[in-house]
Amino acid sequence: MEPVRTCVGCRARASRSSLLRVVARAEGPTGLELVVDETATLPGRGAWLHPSPECFRAAVTRRAFGRALRVEGTLGTSTVENRLNGTVNP
């Protein structure tokens, strides 16, 4: 049986394979940036998210990433947003 995780955007439970894991990584002197953990092996706390722009926007609106990852301050979300919208970072 596959592990079940909760999406931080819509709060629905789903199988781990159908969700994206995101983690907070240090990004220069500016703070933390959310990055997609493709292999679910990066160190640290992870948050799980449906790979849809709707769940991403809901998580940002609710400030769910900071709570789920237990970090304070502002998290940069452009990397994850670009990944979900199908655009590539410059």
Protein backbone atom coordinates (compact mmCIF):
# COMPACT_ATOMS: atom_id res chain seq x y z
CA MET A 1 0.00 0.00 0.00
CA GLU A 2 1.37 3.40 -1.00
CA PRO A 3 1.82 6.16 1.61
CA VAL A 4 -0.83 8.88 1.72
CA ARG A 5 -0.01 12.58 2.13
CA THR A 6 -2.12 15.75 2.48
CA CYS A 7 -1.93 18.54 -0.09
CA VAL A 8 -1.11 21.86 1.63
CA GLY A 9 -3.24 23.70 -0.95
CA CYS A 10 -6.59 21.94 -0.96
CA ARG A 11 -6.06 19.81 2.18
CA ALA A 12 -7.20 16.66 0.32
CA ARG A 13 -5.41 13.39 0.99
CA ALA A 14 -3.80 11.64 -1.97
CA SER A 15 -1.19 9.01 -2.71
CA ARG A 16 2.38 10.19 -2.43
CA SER A 17 3.07 9.48 -6.12
CA SER A 18 0.35 11.90 -7.24
CA LEU A 19 1.76 14.84 -5.23
CA LEU A 20 4.86 17.03 -5.53
CA ARG A 21 7.19 17.41 -2.57
CA VAL A 22 8.54 20.91 -2.02
CA VAL A 23 11.26 21.96 0.41
CA ALA A 24 12.73 25.29 1.51
CA ARG A 25 16.34 25.87 0.44
CA ALA A 26 18.65 28.76 1.35
CA GLU A 27 18.77 31.24 -1.52
CA GLY A 28 21.63 33.69 -1.06
CA PRO A 29 21.33 36.46 1.52
CA THR A 30 17.65 37.06 0.69
CA GLY A 31 16.25 34.09 2.56
CA LEU A 32 14.52 30.90 1.52
CA GLU A 33 13.19 29.65 -1.79
CA LEU A 34 10.74 26.81 -2.35
CA VAL A 35 12.07 24.15 -4.69
CA VAL A 36 10.45 21.02 -6.09
CA ASP A 37 12.02 17.85 -4.74
CA GLU A 38 11.63 15.57 -7.77
CA THR A 39 13.03 12.46 -6.09
CA ALA A 40 11.61 13.19 -2.60
CA THR A 41 15.09 12.77 -1.14
CA LEU A 42 16.24 16.31 -0.30
CA PRO A 43 16.99 16.84 3.39
CA GLY A 44 14.67 18.74 5.68
CA ARG A 45 10.94 19.04 6.11
CA GLY A 46 8.84 18.72 3.01
CA ALA A 47 5.36 19.87 2.08
CA TRP A 48 3.19 17.99 -0.39
CA LEU A 49 1.19 19.67 -3.14
CA HIS A 50 -1.00 18.61 -6.06
CA PRO A 51 0.81 19.60 -9.27
CA SER A 52 -1.84 22.18 -10.18
CA PRO A 53 -1.77 25.98 -10.21
CA GLU A 54 -5.03 26.04 -8.23
CA CYS A 55 -3.61 24.13 -5.26
CA PHE A 56 -0.43 26.21 -5.42
CA ARG A 57 -2.40 29.49 -5.29
CA ALA A 58 -4.53 28.18 -2.42
CA ALA A 59 -1.40 27.26 -0.45
CA VAL A 60 0.16 30.68 -1.06
CA THR A 61 -3.06 32.48 -0.09
CA ARG A 62 -3.36 30.46 3.12
CA ARG A 63 0.39 30.84 3.85
CA ALA A 64 0.46 27.07 4.20
CA PHE A 65 4.05 26.56 3.03
CA GLY A 66 5.56 28.44 5.98
CA ARG A 67 3.49 26.48 8.48
CA ALA A 68 4.06 23.10 6.85
CA LEU A 69 7.81 23.64 6.54
CA ARG A 70 8.06 25.35 9.93
CA VAL A 71 9.94 28.37 8.62
CA GLU A 72 9.50 32.02 9.47
CA GLY A 73 9.61 34.95 7.10
CA THR A 74 8.94 35.12 3.40
CA LEU A 75 9.44 32.15 1.12
CA GLY A 76 10.24 32.72 -2.53
CA THR A 77 7.79 30.73 -4.61
CA SER A 78 8.78 31.58 -8.18
CA THR A 79 10.61 28.29 -8.83
CA VAL A 80 7.59 26.16 -7.93
CA GLU A 81 5.16 28.53 -9.65
CA ASN A 82 7.17 28.42 -12.89
CA ARG A 83 7.34 24.62 -12.72
CA LEU A 84 3.57 24.33 -12.32
CA ASN A 85 2.85 26.85 -15.08
CA GLY A 86 5.18 25.05 -17.46
CA THR A 87 7.69 27.89 -17.80
CA VAL A 88 11.43 27.61 -17.36
CA ASN A 89 13.52 29.73 -15.01
CA PRO A 90 15.98 32.01 -16.82
